[in-house]
């Protein structure tokens, strides 16, 4: 993994085999970034788990084969305990050009993943919610 941060935008390259979330969190920590929005990403992922929430529980689907990142969106916030929380949704394409999307639970980089995030100045993002339930976003001006 390699990243650059100019005080406003973080650009991170993750390499083949790296675990998406721990690697991204390492770059965010290295940049001292606490609140951000995901601008986008290009590259490929494998060993992906995506899901959707039906209002009561998450339903997940595992996608083992390498897939192209078609779109990614989300944000970086803090949980009530102060730990960082990356909330991301992804749309992936397979070799047949089928698209799969949902909440990104986990993934491993295949070949490369290049992701960019925009630092939020003057806005604090906090995630709160019941144990095991969805964490709702509480934005506030600071």
N, C-alpha and C. Protein backbone atom coordinates (compact mmCIF):
# COMPACT_ATOMS: atom_id res chain seq x y z
N UNK A 1 0.84 -1.18 0.00
CA UNK A 1 0.00 0.00 0.00
C UNK A 1 0.89 1.24 0.00
N UNK A 2 0.43 2.21 -0.74
CA UNK A 2 1.10 3.51 -0.75
C UNK A 2 0.01 4.58 -0.81
N UNK A 3 0.23 5.69 -0.08
CA UNK A 3 -0.76 6.76 -0.12
C UNK A 3 -0.08 8.12 -0.12
N UNK A 4 -0.82 9.11 -0.57
CA UNK A 4 -0.39 10.50 -0.50
C UNK A 4 -1.60 11.31 -0.03
N UNK A 5 -1.32 12.31 0.81
CA UNK A 5 -2.37 13.15 1.36
C UNK A 5 -1.90 14.59 1.33
N UNK A 6 -2.64 15.46 0.66
CA UNK A 6 -2.25 16.86 0.53
C UNK A 6 -2.94 17.78 1.53
N UNK A 7 -3.58 17.18 2.53
CA UNK A 7 -4.32 17.96 3.51
C UNK A 7 -5.80 18.04 3.19
N UNK A 8 -6.17 17.68 1.97
CA UNK A 8 -7.57 17.71 1.55
C UNK A 8 -8.00 16.38 0.92
N UNK A 9 -7.17 15.85 0.01
CA UNK A 9 -7.51 14.61 -0.70
C UNK A 9 -6.47 13.53 -0.38
N UNK A 10 -6.97 12.35 -0.05
CA UNK A 10 -6.13 11.18 0.16
C UNK A 10 -6.27 10.28 -1.06
N UNK A 11 -5.14 9.90 -1.65
CA UNK A 11 -5.13 8.93 -2.74
C UNK A 11 -4.31 7.73 -2.25
N UNK A 12 -4.91 6.55 -2.34
CA UNK A 12 -4.27 5.34 -1.82
C UNK A 12 -4.28 4.24 -2.88
N UNK A 13 -3.13 3.61 -3.06
CA UNK A 13 -3.03 2.43 -3.91
C UNK A 13 -2.86 1.22 -3.01
N UNK A 14 -3.78 0.27 -3.13
CA UNK A 14 -3.67 -1.00 -2.41
C UNK A 14 -3.21 -2.05 -3.41
N UNK A 15 -2.38 -2.97 -2.93
CA UNK A 15 -1.78 -3.95 -3.82
C UNK A 15 -2.42 -5.33 -3.68
N UNK A 16 -2.12 -6.17 -4.65
CA UNK A 16 -2.67 -7.52 -4.74
C UNK A 16 -2.55 -8.27 -3.42
N UNK A 17 -3.67 -8.84 -2.98
CA UNK A 17 -3.69 -9.65 -1.77
C UNK A 17 -3.98 -8.89 -0.49
N UNK A 18 -3.91 -7.56 -0.53
CA UNK A 18 -4.15 -6.79 0.69
C UNK A 18 -5.64 -6.81 1.05
N UNK A 19 -5.90 -6.85 2.34
CA UNK A 19 -7.26 -6.85 2.87
C UNK A 19 -7.78 -5.40 2.81
N UNK A 20 -8.89 -5.20 2.11
CA UNK A 20 -9.38 -3.86 1.79
C UNK A 20 -9.52 -2.95 3.02
N UNK A 21 -10.34 -3.33 3.99
CA UNK A 21 -10.62 -2.43 5.11
C UNK A 21 -9.41 -2.18 6.01
N UNK A 22 -8.68 -3.20 6.46
CA UNK A 22 -7.50 -2.91 7.29
C UNK A 22 -6.46 -2.05 6.57
N UNK A 23 -6.28 -2.28 5.27
CA UNK A 23 -5.31 -1.49 4.52
C UNK A 23 -5.78 -0.05 4.39
N UNK A 24 -7.06 0.15 4.09
CA UNK A 24 -7.60 1.50 4.00
C UNK A 24 -7.50 2.21 5.35
N UNK A 25 -7.85 1.51 6.43
CA UNK A 25 -7.76 2.13 7.77
C UNK A 25 -6.32 2.53 8.10
N UNK A 26 -5.36 1.73 7.67
CA UNK A 26 -3.95 2.05 7.89
C UNK A 26 -3.57 3.35 7.17
N UNK A 27 -4.03 3.52 5.94
CA UNK A 27 -3.76 4.76 5.19
C UNK A 27 -4.45 5.94 5.85
N UNK A 28 -5.69 5.75 6.29
CA UNK A 28 -6.44 6.83 6.95
C UNK A 28 -5.74 7.26 8.23
N UNK A 29 -5.27 6.28 8.99
CA UNK A 29 -4.55 6.57 10.23
C UNK A 29 -3.23 7.28 9.92
N UNK A 30 -2.52 6.81 8.91
CA UNK A 30 -1.25 7.43 8.52
C UNK A 30 -1.42 8.88 8.10
N UNK A 31 -2.56 9.19 7.50
CA UNK A 31 -2.84 10.56 7.05
C UNK A 31 -3.48 11.40 8.16
N UNK A 32 -3.87 10.75 9.26
CA UNK A 32 -4.55 11.47 10.34
C UNK A 32 -5.96 11.89 9.96
N UNK A 33 -6.56 11.16 9.05
CA UNK A 33 -7.89 11.49 8.53
C UNK A 33 -8.96 10.88 9.42
N UNK A 34 -9.93 11.70 9.85
CA UNK A 34 -11.01 11.23 10.73
C UNK A 34 -12.38 11.28 10.09
N UNK A 35 -12.63 12.30 9.26
CA UNK A 35 -13.95 12.45 8.64
C UNK A 35 -13.74 12.70 7.15
N UNK A 36 -14.38 11.87 6.32
CA UNK A 36 -14.16 11.98 4.87
C UNK A 36 -15.31 11.33 4.12
N UNK A 37 -15.36 11.63 2.82
CA UNK A 37 -16.27 10.93 1.91
C UNK A 37 -15.41 10.25 0.85
N UNK A 38 -15.86 9.10 0.41
CA UNK A 38 -15.17 8.38 -0.65
C UNK A 38 -15.53 9.03 -1.98
N UNK A 39 -14.52 9.44 -2.71
CA UNK A 39 -14.74 10.05 -4.02
C UNK A 39 -14.92 8.98 -5.09
N UNK A 40 -14.20 7.89 -4.98
CA UNK A 40 -14.31 6.81 -5.95
C UNK A 40 -13.11 5.89 -5.88
N UNK A 41 -13.16 4.83 -6.66
CA UNK A 41 -12.06 3.87 -6.72
C UNK A 41 -12.10 3.15 -8.05
N UNK A 42 -10.94 2.69 -8.47
CA UNK A 42 -10.81 1.82 -9.64
C UNK A 42 -9.94 0.65 -9.25
N UNK A 43 -10.08 -0.44 -9.97
CA UNK A 43 -9.29 -1.62 -9.68
C UNK A 43 -10.17 -2.84 -9.58
N UNK A 44 -9.66 -3.84 -8.87
CA UNK A 44 -10.39 -5.10 -8.76
C UNK A 44 -10.35 -5.63 -7.33
N UNK A 45 -11.40 -6.39 -6.98
CA UNK A 45 -11.51 -7.03 -5.68
C UNK A 45 -11.85 -8.50 -5.87
N UNK A 46 -11.49 -9.31 -4.89
CA UNK A 46 -11.87 -10.73 -4.85
C UNK A 46 -12.22 -11.07 -3.41
N UNK A 47 -12.73 -12.28 -3.19
CA UNK A 47 -13.12 -12.71 -1.84
C UNK A 47 -13.96 -11.62 -1.17
N UNK A 48 -14.97 -11.19 -1.91
CA UNK A 48 -15.83 -10.08 -1.49
C UNK A 48 -17.06 -10.60 -0.76
N UNK A 49 -17.47 -9.88 0.26
CA UNK A 49 -18.77 -10.12 0.88
C UNK A 49 -19.55 -8.82 0.82
N UNK A 50 -20.69 -8.87 0.13
CA UNK A 50 -21.58 -7.72 0.05
C UNK A 50 -22.91 -8.10 0.70
N UNK A 51 -23.73 -7.11 0.98
CA UNK A 51 -25.01 -7.43 1.60
C UNK A 51 -25.99 -6.28 1.52
N UNK A 52 -27.18 -6.58 1.97
CA UNK A 52 -28.23 -5.58 2.04
C UNK A 52 -29.01 -5.80 3.33
N UNK A 53 -29.62 -4.72 3.82
CA UNK A 53 -30.34 -4.71 5.09
C UNK A 53 -31.83 -4.66 4.81
N UNK A 54 -32.58 -5.60 5.36
CA UNK A 54 -34.02 -5.66 5.10
C UNK A 54 -34.85 -4.89 6.14
N UNK A 55 -34.18 -4.14 6.98
CA UNK A 55 -34.86 -3.41 8.04
C UNK A 55 -34.70 -4.07 9.39
N UNK A 56 -34.31 -5.36 9.38
CA UNK A 56 -34.11 -6.09 10.63
C UNK A 56 -32.75 -6.77 10.68
N UNK A 57 -32.31 -7.29 9.56
CA UNK A 57 -31.05 -8.04 9.53
C UNK A 57 -30.35 -7.85 8.19
N UNK A 58 -29.04 -8.07 8.21
CA UNK A 58 -28.27 -8.03 6.97
C UNK A 58 -28.29 -9.40 6.31
N UNK A 59 -28.42 -9.40 5.00
CA UNK A 59 -28.31 -10.61 4.18
C UNK A 59 -27.05 -10.44 3.35
N UNK A 60 -26.21 -11.46 3.34
CA UNK A 60 -24.93 -11.32 2.66
C UNK A 60 -24.79 -12.30 1.51
N UNK A 61 -23.86 -11.95 0.62
CA UNK A 61 -23.52 -12.81 -0.51
C UNK A 61 -22.01 -12.76 -0.68
N UNK A 62 -21.41 -13.93 -0.82
CA UNK A 62 -19.97 -14.03 -1.03
C UNK A 62 -19.67 -14.16 -2.52
N UNK A 63 -18.72 -13.39 -2.98
CA UNK A 63 -18.27 -13.40 -4.37
C UNK A 63 -16.77 -13.66 -4.35
N UNK A 64 -16.36 -14.87 -4.68
CA UNK A 64 -14.96 -15.27 -4.55
C UNK A 64 -14.09 -14.83 -5.71
N UNK A 65 -14.63 -14.85 -6.92
CA UNK A 65 -13.83 -14.56 -8.12
C UNK A 65 -13.50 -13.08 -8.24
N UNK A 66 -12.40 -12.75 -8.90
CA UNK A 66 -12.04 -11.34 -9.10
C UNK A 66 -13.13 -10.59 -9.86
N UNK A 67 -13.39 -9.38 -9.40
CA UNK A 67 -14.40 -8.52 -10.02
C UNK A 67 -13.87 -7.11 -10.14
N UNK A 68 -14.30 -6.44 -11.20
CA UNK A 68 -13.91 -5.06 -11.47
C UNK A 68 -14.76 -4.12 -10.61
N UNK A 69 -14.12 -3.11 -10.01
CA UNK A 69 -14.87 -2.08 -9.27
C UNK A 69 -15.53 -1.16 -10.29
N UNK A 70 -16.85 -1.13 -10.30
CA UNK A 70 -17.60 -0.24 -11.19
C UNK A 70 -17.91 1.07 -10.49
N UNK A 71 -18.17 0.99 -9.19
CA UNK A 71 -18.51 2.18 -8.41
C UNK A 71 -18.33 1.87 -6.94
N UNK A 72 -17.97 2.89 -6.18
CA UNK A 72 -17.91 2.76 -4.73
C UNK A 72 -18.27 4.12 -4.14
N UNK A 73 -19.02 4.10 -3.05
CA UNK A 73 -19.36 5.34 -2.36
C UNK A 73 -19.40 5.05 -0.87
N UNK A 74 -19.31 6.11 -0.09
CA UNK A 74 -19.36 5.92 1.35
C UNK A 74 -18.68 7.05 2.09
N UNK A 75 -18.43 6.81 3.38
CA UNK A 75 -17.82 7.84 4.20
C UNK A 75 -17.01 7.23 5.33
N UNK A 76 -16.23 8.09 5.95
CA UNK A 76 -15.43 7.75 7.12
C UNK A 76 -15.99 8.56 8.28
N UNK A 77 -16.37 7.87 9.35
CA UNK A 77 -16.92 8.51 10.54
C UNK A 77 -16.27 7.89 11.76
N UNK A 78 -16.65 8.38 12.93
CA UNK A 78 -16.22 7.78 14.18
C UNK A 78 -17.42 7.14 14.86
N UNK A 79 -17.19 5.97 15.47
CA UNK A 79 -18.22 5.37 16.30
C UNK A 79 -18.21 6.10 17.64
N UNK A 80 -19.21 5.84 18.44
CA UNK A 80 -19.33 6.52 19.74
C UNK A 80 -18.10 6.31 20.62
N UNK A 81 -17.44 5.16 20.47
CA UNK A 81 -16.24 4.89 21.27
C UNK A 81 -14.99 5.55 20.71
N UNK A 82 -15.14 6.30 19.61
CA UNK A 82 -14.01 7.02 19.02
C UNK A 82 -13.24 6.25 17.97
N UNK A 83 -13.62 5.00 17.73
CA UNK A 83 -12.92 4.21 16.72
C UNK A 83 -13.44 4.56 15.32
N UNK A 84 -12.56 4.47 14.31
CA UNK A 84 -12.97 4.83 12.94
C UNK A 84 -13.93 3.80 12.36
N UNK A 85 -14.84 4.27 11.53
CA UNK A 85 -15.81 3.39 10.88
C UNK A 85 -15.96 3.82 9.42
N UNK A 86 -15.55 2.93 8.52
CA UNK A 86 -15.71 3.18 7.09
C UNK A 86 -16.99 2.49 6.64
N UNK A 87 -17.91 3.25 6.09
CA UNK A 87 -19.17 2.72 5.57
C UNK A 87 -19.10 2.83 4.06
N UNK A 88 -19.08 1.69 3.38
CA UNK A 88 -18.93 1.72 1.92
C UNK A 88 -19.95 0.81 1.24
N UNK A 89 -20.44 1.28 0.11
CA UNK A 89 -21.27 0.48 -0.79
C UNK A 89 -20.52 0.37 -2.10
N UNK A 90 -20.66 -0.77 -2.74
CA UNK A 90 -19.88 -1.03 -3.94
C UNK A 90 -20.74 -1.68 -5.01
N UNK A 91 -20.40 -1.43 -6.25
CA UNK A 91 -20.97 -2.14 -7.39
C UNK A 91 -19.79 -2.76 -8.13
N UNK A 92 -19.87 -4.07 -8.36
CA UNK A 92 -18.79 -4.83 -8.97
C UNK A 92 -19.28 -5.52 -10.23
N UNK A 93 -18.39 -5.68 -11.20
CA UNK A 93 -18.72 -6.38 -12.44
C UNK A 93 -17.89 -7.64 -12.59
N UNK A 94 -18.54 -8.73 -13.02
CA UNK A 94 -17.81 -9.98 -13.24
C UNK A 94 -17.39 -10.12 -14.70
N UNK A 95 -16.80 -11.27 -15.03
CA UNK A 95 -16.26 -11.48 -16.39
C UNK A 95 -17.34 -11.53 -17.46
N UNK A 96 -18.59 -11.74 -17.06
CA UNK A 96 -19.71 -11.76 -18.00
C UNK A 96 -20.41 -10.40 -18.07
N UNK A 97 -19.85 -9.41 -17.43
CA UNK A 97 -20.40 -8.05 -17.35
C UNK A 97 -21.69 -7.98 -16.52
N UNK A 98 -21.87 -8.95 -15.61
CA UNK A 98 -22.97 -8.88 -14.64
C UNK A 98 -22.54 -7.97 -13.51
N UNK A 99 -23.48 -7.22 -12.95
CA UNK A 99 -23.18 -6.31 -11.85
C UNK A 99 -23.77 -6.83 -10.55
N UNK A 100 -23.01 -6.67 -9.48
CA UNK A 100 -23.41 -7.06 -8.13
C UNK A 100 -23.11 -5.89 -7.21
N UNK A 101 -24.04 -5.56 -6.33
CA UNK A 101 -23.79 -4.41 -5.47
C UNK A 101 -24.44 -4.53 -4.12
N UNK A 102 -23.96 -3.71 -3.20
CA UNK A 102 -24.50 -3.66 -1.86
C UNK A 102 -23.50 -3.11 -0.88
N UNK A 103 -23.82 -3.24 0.39
CA UNK A 103 -22.92 -2.84 1.46
C UNK A 103 -21.67 -3.71 1.38
N UNK A 104 -20.51 -3.11 1.44
CA UNK A 104 -19.25 -3.86 1.38
C UNK A 104 -18.83 -4.26 2.78
N UNK A 105 -18.90 -5.57 3.06
CA UNK A 105 -18.50 -6.08 4.37
C UNK A 105 -17.02 -6.40 4.42
N UNK A 106 -16.51 -7.06 3.37
CA UNK A 106 -15.09 -7.38 3.33
C UNK A 106 -14.68 -7.65 1.89
N UNK A 107 -13.38 -7.54 1.65
CA UNK A 107 -12.84 -7.80 0.32
C UNK A 107 -11.32 -7.88 0.39
N UNK A 108 -10.77 -8.53 -0.61
CA UNK A 108 -9.32 -8.59 -0.77
C UNK A 108 -9.01 -8.00 -2.14
N UNK A 109 -7.93 -7.25 -2.22
CA UNK A 109 -7.54 -6.61 -3.48
C UNK A 109 -7.03 -7.67 -4.45
N UNK A 110 -7.47 -7.56 -5.70
CA UNK A 110 -6.95 -8.38 -6.79
C UNK A 110 -6.21 -7.44 -7.73
N UNK A 111 -4.94 -7.66 -7.92
CA UNK A 111 -4.07 -6.83 -8.75
C UNK A 111 -3.85 -5.47 -8.09
N UNK A 112 -4.83 -4.56 -8.17
CA UNK A 112 -4.66 -3.23 -7.59
C UNK A 112 -6.02 -2.60 -7.29
N UNK A 113 -6.05 -1.72 -6.31
CA UNK A 113 -7.22 -0.89 -6.02
C UNK A 113 -6.71 0.50 -5.70
N UNK A 114 -7.21 1.48 -6.43
CA UNK A 114 -6.82 2.87 -6.23
C UNK A 114 -8.06 3.63 -5.76
N UNK A 115 -7.99 4.16 -4.55
CA UNK A 115 -9.15 4.81 -3.95
C UNK A 115 -8.78 6.23 -3.52
N UNK A 116 -9.75 7.14 -3.64
CA UNK A 116 -9.55 8.54 -3.25
C UNK A 116 -10.65 8.96 -2.28
N UNK A 117 -10.26 9.73 -1.27
CA UNK A 117 -11.20 10.25 -0.28
C UNK A 117 -10.99 11.74 -0.10
N UNK A 118 -12.07 12.45 0.17
CA UNK A 118 -12.05 13.89 0.41
C UNK A 118 -12.25 14.16 1.89
N UNK A 119 -11.30 14.85 2.51
CA UNK A 119 -11.40 15.21 3.92
C UNK A 119 -12.53 16.22 4.12
N UNK A 120 -13.30 16.02 5.18
CA UNK A 120 -14.35 16.96 5.55
C UNK A 120 -13.81 17.92 6.61
N UNK A 121 -13.88 19.20 6.33
CA UNK A 121 -13.48 20.23 7.29
C UNK A 121 -14.72 20.88 7.85
N UNK A 122 -14.80 20.99 9.18
CA UNK A 122 -15.93 21.66 9.80
C UNK A 122 -17.17 20.80 9.96
N UNK A 123 -17.06 19.52 9.59
CA UNK A 123 -18.18 18.59 9.74
C UNK A 123 -17.68 17.36 10.47
N UNK A 124 -18.37 17.00 11.55
CA UNK A 124 -18.04 15.80 12.32
C UNK A 124 -19.09 14.75 11.99
N UNK A 125 -18.65 13.54 11.68
CA UNK A 125 -19.56 12.43 11.40
C UNK A 125 -19.42 11.40 12.51
N UNK A 126 -20.55 11.08 13.16
CA UNK A 126 -20.56 10.08 14.22
C UNK A 126 -21.57 9.01 13.86
N UNK A 127 -21.23 7.76 14.14
CA UNK A 127 -22.13 6.62 13.91
C UNK A 127 -22.59 6.10 15.26
N UNK A 128 -23.92 6.00 15.41
CA UNK A 128 -24.50 5.47 16.64
C UNK A 128 -25.62 4.50 16.28
N UNK A 129 -25.81 3.51 17.13
CA UNK A 129 -26.90 2.58 16.90
C UNK A 129 -26.88 1.45 17.90
N UNK A 130 -27.91 0.61 17.87
CA UNK A 130 -27.99 -0.52 18.80
C UNK A 130 -26.96 -1.59 18.47
N UNK A 131 -26.56 -2.33 19.47
CA UNK A 131 -25.62 -3.44 19.28
C UNK A 131 -26.17 -4.42 18.26
N UNK A 132 -25.39 -4.69 17.22
CA UNK A 132 -25.81 -5.62 16.17
C UNK A 132 -26.74 -5.03 15.14
N UNK A 133 -27.16 -3.80 15.34
CA UNK A 133 -28.06 -3.15 14.39
C UNK A 133 -27.32 -2.15 13.53
N UNK A 134 -28.05 -1.48 12.66
CA UNK A 134 -27.40 -0.51 11.78
C UNK A 134 -26.94 0.72 12.57
N UNK A 135 -25.76 1.21 12.22
CA UNK A 135 -25.23 2.42 12.83
C UNK A 135 -25.66 3.61 11.99
N UNK A 136 -26.46 4.48 12.56
CA UNK A 136 -26.95 5.65 11.83
C UNK A 136 -25.92 6.78 11.90
N UNK A 137 -25.90 7.58 10.85
CA UNK A 137 -24.98 8.70 10.75
C UNK A 137 -25.57 9.95 11.39
N UNK A 138 -24.77 10.61 12.22
CA UNK A 138 -25.16 11.87 12.85
C UNK A 138 -24.13 12.93 12.47
N UNK A 139 -24.40 13.70 11.40
CA UNK A 139 -23.48 14.76 11.02
C UNK A 139 -23.74 16.02 11.85
N UNK A 140 -22.67 16.74 12.16
CA UNK A 140 -22.83 18.00 12.88
C UNK A 140 -21.70 18.95 12.50
N UNK A 141 -22.01 20.23 12.53
CA UNK A 141 -21.00 21.26 12.27
C UNK A 141 -20.14 21.42 13.51
N UNK A 142 -18.86 21.65 13.29
CA UNK A 142 -17.95 21.88 14.43
C UNK A 142 -17.18 23.17 14.24
